[in-house]
Amino acid sequence: MNRYLSFAYGVACYGLFFAVFVYLIGFLNDVGVPKSVNSGLPGPVATALFVDIGLITLFGIQHSVMARPAFKRWLTQFVPHVIERSSYVLATNVVLILTYLFWEPLPGEVWQIREPMLSTALFMLAAFGWLIVLISTFLTNHFDLFGLRQVWLNLLRRNYSAVAFKEHLFYRWVRHPMMLGLFIALWATPEMTVSHLLFSVGMSIYIVVGVHFEEAGLKKELGKPYQDYVARTGRFLPF
């Protein structure tokens, strides 16, 4: 692929992801979006569970399988290596958009906090969770993580080199601060509906399972340095 086309493709995938990510915040919190996790009239519960669990499972499979080295080797037989990460981002966009479009609401409410100060505090806590996610992407390398660095270096005809991991800020105590931020964002809400609960439970299960396989791969790939890092840090909490 022409390096200009590769760059345009990478920028487009990143731009779409930014919009999809912002929509996710509104989707989960039922704020400022045409369709949220609670939108619509509940239909048959069995149908809704089948559809919603299927969508969460699809996200988990896509996000985990495409991150595995074996899949990356297979994919780069068909697409240039320089846009492999951007293609991963694009696939994530597609799966999340499908989730937004086809999510089926469920009837019922788990809790609702009406006290204004506590309700506001929970909204602020959720916002803090999203902020942790965003900051964590920059503590590694935001533009490498989302494929922009790869296509930019290719545009400049420079060789790509992997970003060295450094234990900045959150990473000094927690191995997966992005996932910690997501946990907070998923669960900190003054109104927990059954639909929200299903989404939060499903995504939380995916995070735990996905991190398990990711760490197993890192231990195999990096060996003792990563094992030492594991020994002195928490997976999601700093203990």
C-alpha atoms as a PDB file:
ATOM      1  CA  MET A   1       0.000   0.000   0.000  1.00  0.00           C
ATOM      2  CA  ASN A   2       1.212   3.489  -0.862  1.00  0.00           C
ATOM      3  CA  ARG A   3       2.613   5.219   2.221  1.00  0.00           C
ATOM      4  CA  TYR A   4       0.215   8.156   1.794  1.00  0.00           C
ATOM      5  CA  LEU A   5      -2.753   5.802   1.662  1.00  0.00           C
ATOM      6  CA  SER A   6      -1.414   3.952   4.694  1.00  0.00           C
ATOM      7  CA  PHE A   7      -1.173   7.216   6.591  1.00  0.00           C
ATOM      8  CA  ALA A   8      -4.695   8.272   5.567  1.00  0.00           C
ATOM      9  CA  TYR A   9      -6.014   4.845   6.582  1.00  0.00           C
ATOM     10  CA  GLY A  10      -4.320   5.062   9.990  1.00  0.00           C
ATOM     11  CA  VAL A  11      -5.627   8.578  10.635  1.00  0.00           C
ATOM     12  CA  ALA A  12      -9.148   7.574   9.591  1.00  0.00           C
ATOM     13  CA  CYS A  13      -9.134   4.525  11.889  1.00  0.00           C
ATOM     14  CA  TYR A  14      -7.883   6.649  14.778  1.00  0.00           C
ATOM     15  CA  GLY A  15     -10.430   9.407  14.147  1.00  0.00           C
ATOM     16  CA  LEU A  16     -13.267   6.895  14.042  1.00  0.00           C
ATOM     17  CA  PHE A  17     -12.041   5.277  17.255  1.00  0.00           C
ATOM     18  CA  PHE A  18     -12.014   8.639  19.029  1.00  0.00           C
ATOM     19  CA  ALA A  19     -15.670   9.157  18.079  1.00  0.00           C
ATOM     20  CA  VAL A  20     -16.578   5.576  19.051  1.00  0.00           C
ATOM     21  CA  PHE A  21     -14.827   5.923  22.414  1.00  0.00           C
ATOM     22  CA  VAL A  22     -16.610   9.182  23.236  1.00  0.00           C
ATOM     23  CA  TYR A  23     -19.903   7.537  22.258  1.00  0.00           C
ATOM     24  CA  LEU A  24     -19.118   4.663  24.643  1.00  0.00           C
ATOM     25  CA  ILE A  25     -19.074   7.104  27.555  1.00  0.00           C
ATOM     26  CA  GLY A  26     -22.501   8.421  26.570  1.00  0.00           C
ATOM     27  CA  PHE A  27     -23.790   4.920  25.793  1.00  0.00           C
ATOM     28  CA  LEU A  28     -22.902   3.642  29.255  1.00  0.00           C
ATOM     29  CA  ASN A  29     -24.079   6.709  31.167  1.00  0.00           C
ATOM     30  CA  ASP A  30     -27.203   7.383  29.067  1.00  0.00           C
ATOM     31  CA  VAL A  31     -26.057  10.940  28.347  1.00  0.00           C
ATOM     32  CA  GLY A  32     -25.983  12.867  25.058  1.00  0.00           C
ATOM     33  CA  VAL A  33     -26.399   9.936  22.651  1.00  0.00           C
ATOM     34  CA  PRO A  34     -29.393   8.823  20.543  1.00  0.00           C
ATOM     35  CA  LYS A  35     -29.138   5.256  21.831  1.00  0.00           C
ATOM     36  CA  SER A  36     -27.727   4.108  25.161  1.00  0.00           C
ATOM     37  CA  VAL A  37     -27.463   0.881  27.113  1.00  0.00           C
ATOM     38  CA  ASN A  38     -30.980   1.588  28.472  1.00  0.00           C
ATOM     39  CA  SER A  39     -32.654   2.922  25.316  1.00  0.00           C
ATOM     40  CA  GLY A  40     -35.812   1.400  23.929  1.00  0.00           C
ATOM     41  CA  LEU A  41     -38.656  -0.731  25.204  1.00  0.00           C
ATOM     42  CA  PRO A  42     -37.582  -4.091  26.635  1.00  0.00           C
ATOM     43  CA  GLY A  43     -38.664  -7.085  24.588  1.00  0.00           C
ATOM     44  CA  PRO A  44     -38.433 -10.788  25.442  1.00  0.00           C
ATOM     45  CA  VAL A  45     -35.744 -11.259  28.082  1.00  0.00           C
ATOM     46  CA  ALA A  46     -34.337 -14.444  26.514  1.00  0.00           C
ATOM     47  CA  THR A  47     -33.870 -12.695  23.162  1.00  0.00           C
ATOM     48  CA  ALA A  48     -32.219  -9.678  24.772  1.00  0.00           C
ATOM     49  CA  LEU A  49     -29.827 -11.861  26.768  1.00  0.00           C
ATOM     50  CA  PHE A  50     -28.904 -13.872  23.672  1.00  0.00           C
ATOM     51  CA  VAL A  51     -28.195 -10.735  21.613  1.00  0.00           C
ATOM     52  CA  ASP A  52     -26.374  -8.789  24.336  1.00  0.00           C
ATOM     53  CA  ILE A  53     -24.205 -11.663  25.538  1.00  0.00           C
ATOM     54  CA  GLY A  54     -23.407 -12.424  21.899  1.00  0.00           C
ATOM     55  CA  LEU A  55     -22.271  -8.830  21.316  1.00  0.00           C
ATOM     56  CA  ILE A  56     -20.051  -8.850  24.414  1.00  0.00           C
ATOM     57  CA  THR A  57     -18.609 -12.214  23.386  1.00  0.00           C
ATOM     58  CA  LEU A  58     -17.916 -10.898  19.882  1.00  0.00           C
ATOM     59  CA  PHE A  59     -16.023  -7.956  21.380  1.00  0.00           C
ATOM     60  CA  GLY A  60     -14.010 -10.255  23.630  1.00  0.00           C
ATOM     61  CA  ILE A  61     -13.078 -12.602  20.786  1.00  0.00           C
ATOM     62  CA  GLN A  62     -12.110  -9.774  18.443  1.00  0.00           C
ATOM     63  CA  HIS A  63     -10.119  -7.886  21.054  1.00  0.00           C
ATOM     64  CA  SER A  64      -8.245 -10.941  22.329  1.00  0.00           C
ATOM     65  CA  VAL A  65      -7.697 -12.998  19.176  1.00  0.00           C
ATOM     66  CA  MET A  66      -6.467 -10.071  17.070  1.00  0.00           C
ATOM     67  CA  ALA A  67      -3.939  -9.179  19.791  1.00  0.00           C
ATOM     68  CA  ARG A  68      -2.270 -12.591  19.667  1.00  0.00           C
ATOM     69  CA  PRO A  69       1.060 -12.853  17.788  1.00  0.00           C
ATOM     70  CA  ALA A  70      -0.150 -15.816  15.715  1.00  0.00           C
ATOM     71  CA  PHE A  71      -3.108 -13.814  14.394  1.00  0.00           C
ATOM     72  CA  LYS A  72      -0.876 -10.829  13.646  1.00  0.00           C
ATOM     73  CA  ARG A  73       1.426 -13.060  11.595  1.00  0.00           C
ATOM     74  CA  TRP A  74      -1.575 -14.402   9.684  1.00  0.00           C
ATOM     75  CA  LEU A  75      -3.060 -10.941   9.097  1.00  0.00           C
ATOM     76  CA  THR A  76       0.168  -9.443   7.774  1.00  0.00           C
ATOM     77  CA  GLN A  77       0.123 -11.984   4.956  1.00  0.00           C
ATOM     78  CA  PHE A  78      -2.748  -9.937   3.520  1.00  0.00           C
ATOM     79  CA  VAL A  79      -2.204  -6.378   4.777  1.00  0.00           C
ATOM     80  CA  PRO A  80       1.041  -4.405   5.155  1.00  0.00           C
ATOM     81  CA  HIS A  81       2.619  -4.688   8.581  1.00  0.00           C
ATOM     82  CA  VAL A  82       2.515  -0.916   8.967  1.00  0.00           C
ATOM     83  CA  ILE A  83      -1.309  -0.883   9.114  1.00  0.00           C
ATOM     84  CA  GLU A  84      -1.745  -4.023  11.223  1.00  0.00           C
ATOM     85  CA  ARG A  85      -2.407  -2.008  14.385  1.00  0.00           C
ATOM     86  CA  SER A  86      -4.736   0.386  12.587  1.00  0.00           C
ATOM     87  CA  SER A  87      -6.674  -2.627  11.294  1.00  0.00           C
ATOM     88  CA  TYR A  88      -7.015  -3.871  14.866  1.00  0.00           C
ATOM     89  CA  VAL A  89      -8.378  -0.462  15.854  1.00  0.00           C
ATOM     90  CA  LEU A  90     -10.795  -0.516  12.900  1.00  0.00           C
ATOM     91  CA  ALA A  91     -12.101  -3.955  13.880  1.00  0.00           C
ATOM     92  CA  THR A  92     -12.657  -2.706  17.429  1.00  0.00           C
ATOM     93  CA  ASN A  93     -14.596   0.246  16.020  1.00  0.00           C
ATOM     94  CA  VAL A  94     -16.828  -2.055  13.967  1.00  0.00           C
ATOM     95  CA  VAL A  95     -17.620  -4.348  16.906  1.00  0.00           C
ATOM     96  CA  LEU A  96     -18.419  -1.439  19.233  1.00  0.00           C
ATOM     97  CA  ILE A  97     -20.654   0.204  16.619  1.00  0.00           C
ATOM     98  CA  LEU A  98     -22.515  -3.097  16.200  1.00  0.00           C
ATOM     99  CA  THR A  99     -22.930  -3.193  19.978  1.00  0.00           C
ATOM    100  CA  TYR A 100     -24.412   0.301  20.022  1.00  0.00           C
ATOM    101  CA  LEU A 101     -26.781  -0.501  17.154  1.00  0.00           C
ATOM    102  CA  PHE A 102     -28.081  -3.877  18.244  1.00  0.00           C
ATOM    103  CA  TRP A 103     -27.936  -3.768  22.047  1.00  0.00           C
ATOM    104  CA  GLU A 104     -31.277  -4.893  23.508  1.00  0.00           C
ATOM    105  CA  PRO A 105     -32.459  -3.280  26.777  1.00  0.00           C
ATOM    106  CA  LEU A 106     -33.501  -5.421  29.724  1.00  0.00           C
ATOM    107  CA  PRO A 107     -36.242  -4.554  32.212  1.00  0.00           C
ATOM    108  CA  GLY A 108     -35.489  -3.772  35.828  1.00  0.00           C
ATOM    109  CA  GLU A 109     -33.315  -1.675  38.074  1.00  0.00           C
ATOM    110  CA  VAL A 110     -30.668  -2.792  40.557  1.00  0.00           C
ATOM    111  CA  TRP A 111     -30.178   0.495  42.392  1.00  0.00           C
ATOM    112  CA  GLN A 112     -30.922   4.178  42.015  1.00  0.00           C
ATOM    113  CA  ILE A 113     -29.325   6.827  44.187  1.00  0.00           C
ATOM    114  CA  ARG A 114     -31.398   9.981  44.358  1.00  0.00           C
ATOM    115  CA  GLU A 115     -29.348  11.912  46.922  1.00  0.00           C
ATOM    116  CA  PRO A 116     -27.810  14.718  44.810  1.00  0.00           C
ATOM    117  CA  MET A 117     -24.361  14.885  46.412  1.00  0.00           C
ATOM    118  CA  LEU A 118     -23.803  11.134  46.308  1.00  0.00           C
ATOM    119  CA  SER A 119     -25.165  10.914  42.766  1.00  0.00           C
ATOM    120  CA  THR A 120     -22.802  13.674  41.635  1.00  0.00           C
ATOM    121  CA  ALA A 121     -19.901  12.001  43.431  1.00  0.00           C
ATOM    122  CA  LEU A 122     -20.525   8.768  41.523  1.00  0.00           C
ATOM    123  CA  PHE A 123     -20.659  10.612  38.189  1.00  0.00           C
ATOM    124  CA  MET A 124     -17.356  12.284  39.084  1.00  0.00           C
ATOM    125  CA  LEU A 125     -15.852   8.933  40.048  1.00  0.00           C
ATOM    126  CA  ALA A 126     -16.896   7.487  36.675  1.00  0.00           C
ATOM    127  CA  ALA A 127     -15.334  10.504  34.934  1.00  0.00           C
ATOM    128  CA  PHE A 128     -12.151   9.887  36.926  1.00  0.00           C
ATOM    129  CA  GLY A 129     -12.151   6.293  35.675  1.00  0.00           C
ATOM    130  CA  TRP A 130     -12.336   7.445  32.049  1.00  0.00           C
ATOM    131  CA  LEU A 131      -9.538   9.945  32.784  1.00  0.00           C
ATOM    132  CA  ILE A 132      -7.336   7.138  34.131  1.00  0.00           C
ATOM    133  CA  VAL A 133      -7.950   5.215  30.902  1.00  0.00           C
ATOM    134  CA  LEU A 134      -6.933   8.198  28.773  1.00  0.00           C
ATOM    135  CA  ILE A 135      -3.854   9.104  30.820  1.00  0.00           C
ATOM    136  CA  SER A 136      -2.707   5.478  30.830  1.00  0.00           C
ATOM    137  CA  THR A 137      -2.669   5.384  27.032  1.00  0.00           C
ATOM    138  CA  PHE A 138      -0.210   8.296  27.031  1.00  0.00           C
ATOM    139  CA  LEU A 139       1.939   6.718  29.753  1.00  0.00           C
ATOM    140  CA  THR A 140       2.710   3.870  27.350  1.00  0.00           C
ATOM    141  CA  ASN A 141       2.543   5.546  23.937  1.00  0.00           C
ATOM    142  CA  HIS A 142      -0.892   6.703  22.876  1.00  0.00           C
ATOM    143  CA  PHE A 143      -0.062   7.073  19.188  1.00  0.00           C
ATOM    144  CA  ASP A 144       1.711   3.719  18.963  1.00  0.00           C
ATOM    145  CA  LEU A 145      -1.157   2.010  20.790  1.00  0.00           C
ATOM    146  CA  PHE A 146      -3.672   3.256  18.203  1.00  0.00           C
ATOM    147  CA  GLY A 147      -1.509   2.766  15.114  1.00  0.00           C
ATOM    148  CA  LEU A 148      -0.684   6.397  14.282  1.00  0.00           C
ATOM    149  CA  ARG A 149       3.021   6.195  15.086  1.00  0.00           C
ATOM    150  CA  GLN A 150       3.452   3.266  12.718  1.00  0.00           C
ATOM    151  CA  VAL A 151       1.895   4.990   9.716  1.00  0.00           C
ATOM    152  CA  TRP A 152       3.626   8.300  10.524  1.00  0.00           C
ATOM    153  CA  LEU A 153       7.083   6.680  10.581  1.00  0.00           C
ATOM    154  CA  ASN A 154       6.242   4.886   7.350  1.00  0.00           C
ATOM    155  CA  LEU A 155       5.196   8.196   5.781  1.00  0.00           C
ATOM    156  CA  LEU A 156       8.614   9.619   6.709  1.00  0.00           C
ATOM    157  CA  ARG A 157      10.340   6.455   5.381  1.00  0.00           C
ATOM    158  CA  ARG A 158      11.690   5.662   8.835  1.00  0.00           C
ATOM    159  CA  ASN A 159      11.980   2.188  10.301  1.00  0.00           C
ATOM    160  CA  TYR A 160       9.593   1.267  13.065  1.00  0.00           C
ATOM    161  CA  SER A 161      11.008   0.385  16.477  1.00  0.00           C
ATOM    162  CA  ALA A 162       8.964  -0.950  19.376  1.00  0.00           C
ATOM    163  CA  VAL A 163       8.318   1.464  22.224  1.00  0.00           C
ATOM    164  CA  ALA A 164      10.315   0.628  25.343  1.00  0.00           C
ATOM    165  CA  PHE A 165       8.130   0.089  28.375  1.00  0.00           C
ATOM    166  CA  LYS A 166       8.749   2.477  31.264  1.00  0.00           C
ATOM    167  CA  GLU A 167       7.162   2.437  34.691  1.00  0.00           C
ATOM    168  CA  HIS A 168       5.647   5.912  34.664  1.00  0.00           C
ATOM    169  CA  LEU A 169       3.097   7.072  37.261  1.00  0.00           C
ATOM    170  CA  PHE A 170       0.305   4.452  37.571  1.00  0.00           C
ATOM    171  CA  TYR A 171       2.505   1.729  36.073  1.00  0.00           C
ATOM    172  CA  ARG A 172       4.825   1.888  39.056  1.00  0.00           C
ATOM    173  CA  TRP A 173       2.141   0.287  41.211  1.00  0.00           C
ATOM    174  CA  VAL A 174      -0.456  -1.215  38.837  1.00  0.00           C
ATOM    175  CA  ARG A 175       0.223  -3.328  35.756  1.00  0.00           C
ATOM    176  CA  HIS A 176      -3.086  -2.545  34.051  1.00  0.00           C
ATOM    177  CA  PRO A 177      -4.240   0.975  35.001  1.00  0.00           C
ATOM    178  CA  MET A 178      -6.320   1.232  31.819  1.00  0.00           C
ATOM    179  CA  MET A 179      -8.346  -1.748  32.971  1.00  0.00           C
ATOM    180  CA  LEU A 180      -8.632  -0.269  36.473  1.00  0.00           C
ATOM    181  CA  GLY A 181     -10.047   2.903  34.922  1.00  0.00           C
ATOM    182  CA  LEU A 182     -12.536   0.848  32.924  1.00  0.00           C
ATOM    183  CA  PHE A 183     -13.655  -1.034  36.033  1.00  0.00           C
ATOM    184  CA  ILE A 184     -14.356   2.283  37.762  1.00  0.00           C
ATOM    185  CA  ALA A 185     -16.180   3.684  34.720  1.00  0.00           C
ATOM    186  CA  LEU A 186     -18.289   0.540  34.349  1.00  0.00           C
ATOM    187  CA  TRP A 187     -19.464   0.349  37.941  1.00  0.00           C
ATOM    188  CA  ALA A 188     -19.550   3.934  39.276  1.00  0.00           C
ATOM    189  CA  THR A 189     -23.109   4.994  38.491  1.00  0.00           C
ATOM    190  CA  PRO A 190     -25.981   6.384  40.543  1.00  0.00           C
ATOM    191  CA  GLU A 191     -28.455   4.343  38.476  1.00  0.00           C
ATOM    192  CA  MET A 192     -27.627   0.704  37.850  1.00  0.00           C
ATOM    193  CA  THR A 193     -30.204  -0.819  35.545  1.00  0.00           C
ATOM    194  CA  VAL A 194     -30.248  -4.501  34.640  1.00  0.00           C
ATOM    195  CA  SER A 195     -29.043  -3.557  31.132  1.00  0.00           C
ATOM    196  CA  HIS A 196     -26.116  -1.599  32.568  1.00  0.00           C
ATOM    197  CA  LEU A 197     -25.374  -4.455  34.969  1.00  0.00           C
ATOM    198  CA  LEU A 198     -25.225  -7.010  32.145  1.00  0.00           C
ATOM    199  CA  PHE A 199     -22.882  -4.786  30.132  1.00  0.00           C
ATOM    200  CA  SER A 200     -20.648  -4.148  33.168  1.00  0.00           C
ATOM    201  CA  VAL A 201     -20.520  -7.805  34.215  1.00  0.00           C
ATOM    202  CA  GLY A 202     -19.780  -8.983  30.687  1.00  0.00           C
ATOM    203  CA  MET A 203     -17.023  -6.438  30.084  1.00  0.00           C
ATOM    204  CA  SER A 204     -15.521  -7.070  33.531  1.00  0.00           C
ATOM    205  CA  ILE A 205     -15.331 -10.806  32.840  1.00  0.00           C
ATOM    206  CA  TYR A 206     -13.666 -10.065  29.507  1.00  0.00           C
ATOM    207  CA  ILE A 207     -11.109  -7.781  31.185  1.00  0.00           C
ATOM    208  CA  VAL A 208     -10.141 -10.407  33.771  1.00  0.00           C
ATOM    209  CA  VAL A 209      -9.874 -13.205  31.187  1.00  0.00           C
ATOM    210  CA  GLY A 210      -8.105 -11.008  28.605  1.00  0.00           C
ATOM    211  CA  VAL A 211      -5.539  -9.761  31.108  1.00  0.00           C
ATOM    212  CA  HIS A 212      -4.814 -13.330  32.219  1.00  0.00           C
ATOM    213  CA  PHE A 213      -3.861 -14.362  28.675  1.00  0.00           C
ATOM    214  CA  GLU A 214      -2.024 -11.099  28.016  1.00  0.00           C
ATOM    215  CA  GLU A 215       0.163 -11.573  31.089  1.00  0.00           C
ATOM    216  CA  ALA A 216       0.843 -15.203  30.203  1.00  0.00           C
ATOM    217  CA  GLY A 217       2.079 -14.038  26.794  1.00  0.00           C
ATOM    218  CA  LEU A 218       4.223 -11.272  28.296  1.00  0.00           C
ATOM    219  CA  LYS A 219       5.839 -13.658  30.764  1.00  0.00           C
ATOM    220  CA  LYS A 220       6.752 -15.959  27.885  1.00  0.00           C
ATOM    221  CA  GLU A 221       7.958 -13.099  25.674  1.00  0.00           C
ATOM    222  CA  LEU A 222       9.853 -10.963  28.213  1.00  0.00           C
ATOM    223  CA  GLY A 223      10.880 -13.559  30.778  1.00  0.00           C
ATOM    224  CA  LYS A 224      12.376 -12.627  34.137  1.00  0.00           C
ATOM    225  CA  PRO A 225      12.162  -8.803  33.837  1.00  0.00           C
ATOM    226  CA  TYR A 226       8.389  -9.037  33.477  1.00  0.00           C
ATOM    227  CA  GLN A 227       8.138 -11.666  36.211  1.00  0.00           C
ATOM    228  CA  ASP A 228      10.004  -9.294  38.549  1.00  0.00           C
ATOM    229  CA  TYR A 229       7.616  -6.499  37.554  1.00  0.00           C
ATOM    230  CA  VAL A 230       4.665  -8.768  38.350  1.00  0.00           C
ATOM    231  CA  ALA A 231       6.154  -9.582  41.742  1.00  0.00           C
ATOM    232  CA  ARG A 232       6.338  -5.938  42.852  1.00  0.00           C
ATOM    233  CA  THR A 233       3.084  -4.578  41.371  1.00  0.00           C
ATOM    234  CA  GLY A 234      -0.622  -5.295  41.577  1.00  0.00           C
ATOM    235  CA  ARG A 235      -2.633  -6.430  38.580  1.00  0.00           C
ATOM    236  CA  PHE A 236      -5.460  -3.919  39.008  1.00  0.00           C
ATOM    237  CA  LEU A 237      -4.858  -2.441  42.474  1.00  0.00           C
ATOM    238  CA  PRO A 238      -1.566  -1.280  44.043  1.00  0.00           C
ATOM    239  CA  PHE A 239      -1.291  -4.234  46.420  1.00  0.00           C
END
